[in-house]
Structure formats: structure tokens, C-alpha cells
Amino acid sequence: MGPRPVLRLVYDMPKTRSGKIMRRVLTFISNTMEIGDLTTLANPEIVEQIRMMVQGEAKLATKAGPEDFRSFGQE
């Protein structure tokens, strides 16, 4: 049996013109990848709160990740 999924509750979610952007951000946070451009988010400060809930208080080293992840949501 594999690892059990973890459910995280958040108080607010950034509003975006496209849900693809938020899915990209959440994918990057959960995989400790560089988040990238957040200029289109209505409340980008919440992204750091979500990152802290998932990764903890300490800033983890991030990686660039595969090209398909980096371009996710940018089509």
C-alpha cells in the first residue's frame, strides 16, 4: 500500500484568470520547485502561506523541475 494522501485546508486561495496558473503554483509548491511569476494572482501573498503549510516554516531548496512542469499553465 502506498503513502496516504495529505489534505491541507487553507483560508484563502488566490484568484486567477485561469485555474491553470493556480494548479501550476500548487504543483510547484508540493514538489519544492521554483514557483515563478505570480503577477497575475489577485493575492499572491497567500502563496507563501500555502507554501509554509505544505513545506513548513523553513525555506526549502527548490529545483527547476522538468520542462513540462515549468510550462504547465502557460499555454
C-alpha atoms as a PDB file:
ATOM      1  CA  MET A   1       0.000   0.000   0.000  1.00  0.00           C
ATOM      2  CA  GLY A   2       1.409   3.433  -0.970  1.00  0.00           C
ATOM      3  CA  PRO A   3       1.659   6.578   1.135  1.00  0.00           C
ATOM      4  CA  ARG A   4      -1.579   8.142   2.285  1.00  0.00           C
ATOM      5  CA  PRO A   5      -2.540  11.450   0.646  1.00  0.00           C
ATOM      6  CA  VAL A   6      -2.430  14.552   2.813  1.00  0.00           C
ATOM      7  CA  LEU A   7      -5.290  17.039   2.829  1.00  0.00           C
ATOM      8  CA  ARG A   8      -4.407  20.670   3.586  1.00  0.00           C
ATOM      9  CA  LEU A   9      -7.057  23.271   4.389  1.00  0.00           C
ATOM     10  CA  VAL A  10      -6.336  26.881   3.501  1.00  0.00           C
ATOM     11  CA  TYR A  11      -8.198  30.037   4.497  1.00  0.00           C
ATOM     12  CA  ASP A  12      -7.931  31.747   1.140  1.00  0.00           C
ATOM     13  CA  MET A  13      -6.964  30.883  -2.414  1.00  0.00           C
ATOM     14  CA  PRO A  14      -5.508  33.319  -4.916  1.00  0.00           C
ATOM     15  CA  LYS A  15      -7.986  34.394  -7.538  1.00  0.00           C
ATOM     16  CA  THR A  16      -6.675  33.950 -11.054  1.00  0.00           C
ATOM     17  CA  ARG A  17      -7.976  34.490 -14.544  1.00  0.00           C
ATOM     18  CA  SER A  18      -7.121  30.889 -15.228  1.00  0.00           C
ATOM     19  CA  GLY A  19      -7.234  27.935 -12.859  1.00  0.00           C
ATOM     20  CA  LYS A  20      -4.204  26.578 -14.725  1.00  0.00           C
ATOM     21  CA  ILE A  21      -1.965  29.128 -13.003  1.00  0.00           C
ATOM     22  CA  MET A  22      -3.076  28.105  -9.512  1.00  0.00           C
ATOM     23  CA  ARG A  23      -2.714  24.406 -10.328  1.00  0.00           C
ATOM     24  CA  ARG A  24       0.832  25.140 -11.530  1.00  0.00           C
ATOM     25  CA  VAL A  25       1.642  27.014  -8.311  1.00  0.00           C
ATOM     26  CA  LEU A  26       0.277  24.207  -6.115  1.00  0.00           C
ATOM     27  CA  THR A  27       2.169  21.591  -8.150  1.00  0.00           C
ATOM     28  CA  PHE A  28       5.395  23.558  -7.766  1.00  0.00           C
ATOM     29  CA  ILE A  29       4.906  24.008  -4.006  1.00  0.00           C
ATOM     30  CA  SER A  30       4.192  20.321  -3.424  1.00  0.00           C
ATOM     31  CA  ASN A  31       7.254  19.328  -5.484  1.00  0.00           C
ATOM     32  CA  THR A  32       9.575  22.009  -3.978  1.00  0.00           C
ATOM     33  CA  MET A  33      10.083  23.613  -7.356  1.00  0.00           C
ATOM     34  CA  GLU A  34      10.661  27.287  -8.165  1.00  0.00           C
ATOM     35  CA  ILE A  35       7.205  28.911  -8.266  1.00  0.00           C
ATOM     36  CA  GLY A  36       7.946  31.563 -10.866  1.00  0.00           C
ATOM     37  CA  ASP A  37       5.809  34.519 -11.912  1.00  0.00           C
ATOM     38  CA  LEU A  38       2.859  35.365  -9.640  1.00  0.00           C
ATOM     39  CA  THR A  39       1.941  38.752 -11.149  1.00  0.00           C
ATOM     40  CA  THR A  40      -1.459  37.615 -12.422  1.00  0.00           C
ATOM     41  CA  LEU A  41      -2.674  36.468  -8.998  1.00  0.00           C
ATOM     42  CA  ALA A  42      -5.068  38.788  -7.165  1.00  0.00           C
ATOM     43  CA  ASN A  43      -3.496  37.975  -3.780  1.00  0.00           C
ATOM     44  CA  PRO A  44      -0.040  36.449  -4.312  1.00  0.00           C
ATOM     45  CA  GLU A  45       0.864  36.819  -0.616  1.00  0.00           C
ATOM     46  CA  ILE A  46      -1.334  33.804   0.182  1.00  0.00           C
ATOM     47  CA  VAL A  47       1.021  31.602  -1.878  1.00  0.00           C
ATOM     48  CA  GLU A  48       3.705  31.953   0.823  1.00  0.00           C
ATOM     49  CA  GLN A  49       1.186  30.939   3.499  1.00  0.00           C
ATOM     50  CA  ILE A  50       0.249  27.864   1.472  1.00  0.00           C
ATOM     51  CA  ARG A  51       3.948  27.068   0.953  1.00  0.00           C
ATOM     52  CA  MET A  52       4.551  27.243   4.703  1.00  0.00           C
ATOM     53  CA  MET A  53       1.598  24.920   5.390  1.00  0.00           C
ATOM     54  CA  VAL A  54       2.912  22.342   2.915  1.00  0.00           C
ATOM     55  CA  GLN A  55       6.690  22.658   3.356  1.00  0.00           C
ATOM     56  CA  GLY A  56       6.979  24.069   6.880  1.00  0.00           C
ATOM     57  CA  GLU A  57       8.468  27.307   8.205  1.00  0.00           C
ATOM     58  CA  ALA A  58      11.962  26.841   6.775  1.00  0.00           C
ATOM     59  CA  LYS A  59      12.560  27.772   3.140  1.00  0.00           C
ATOM     60  CA  LEU A  60      13.428  24.530   1.353  1.00  0.00           C
ATOM     61  CA  ALA A  61      15.879  24.438  -1.507  1.00  0.00           C
ATOM     62  CA  THR A  62      13.925  24.444  -4.757  1.00  0.00           C
ATOM     63  CA  LYS A  63      14.696  22.833  -8.065  1.00  0.00           C
ATOM     64  CA  ALA A  64      13.806  23.932 -11.584  1.00  0.00           C
ATOM     65  CA  GLY A  65      11.810  20.794 -12.351  1.00  0.00           C
ATOM     66  CA  PRO A  66      11.062  19.180 -15.711  1.00  0.00           C
ATOM     67  CA  GLU A  67      10.207  21.382 -18.700  1.00  0.00           C
ATOM     68  CA  ASP A  68       6.614  20.124 -18.907  1.00  0.00           C
ATOM     69  CA  PHE A  69       6.027  21.257 -15.294  1.00  0.00           C
ATOM     70  CA  ARG A  70       7.643  24.651 -15.919  1.00  0.00           C
ATOM     71  CA  SER A  71       5.419  25.318 -18.940  1.00  0.00           C
ATOM     72  CA  PHE A  72       2.235  23.984 -17.254  1.00  0.00           C
ATOM     73  CA  GLY A  73      -0.491  26.625 -17.328  1.00  0.00           C
ATOM     74  CA  GLN A  74       1.377  28.914 -19.709  1.00  0.00           C
ATOM     75  CA  GLU A  75      -0.204  27.731 -22.964  1.00  0.00           C
END
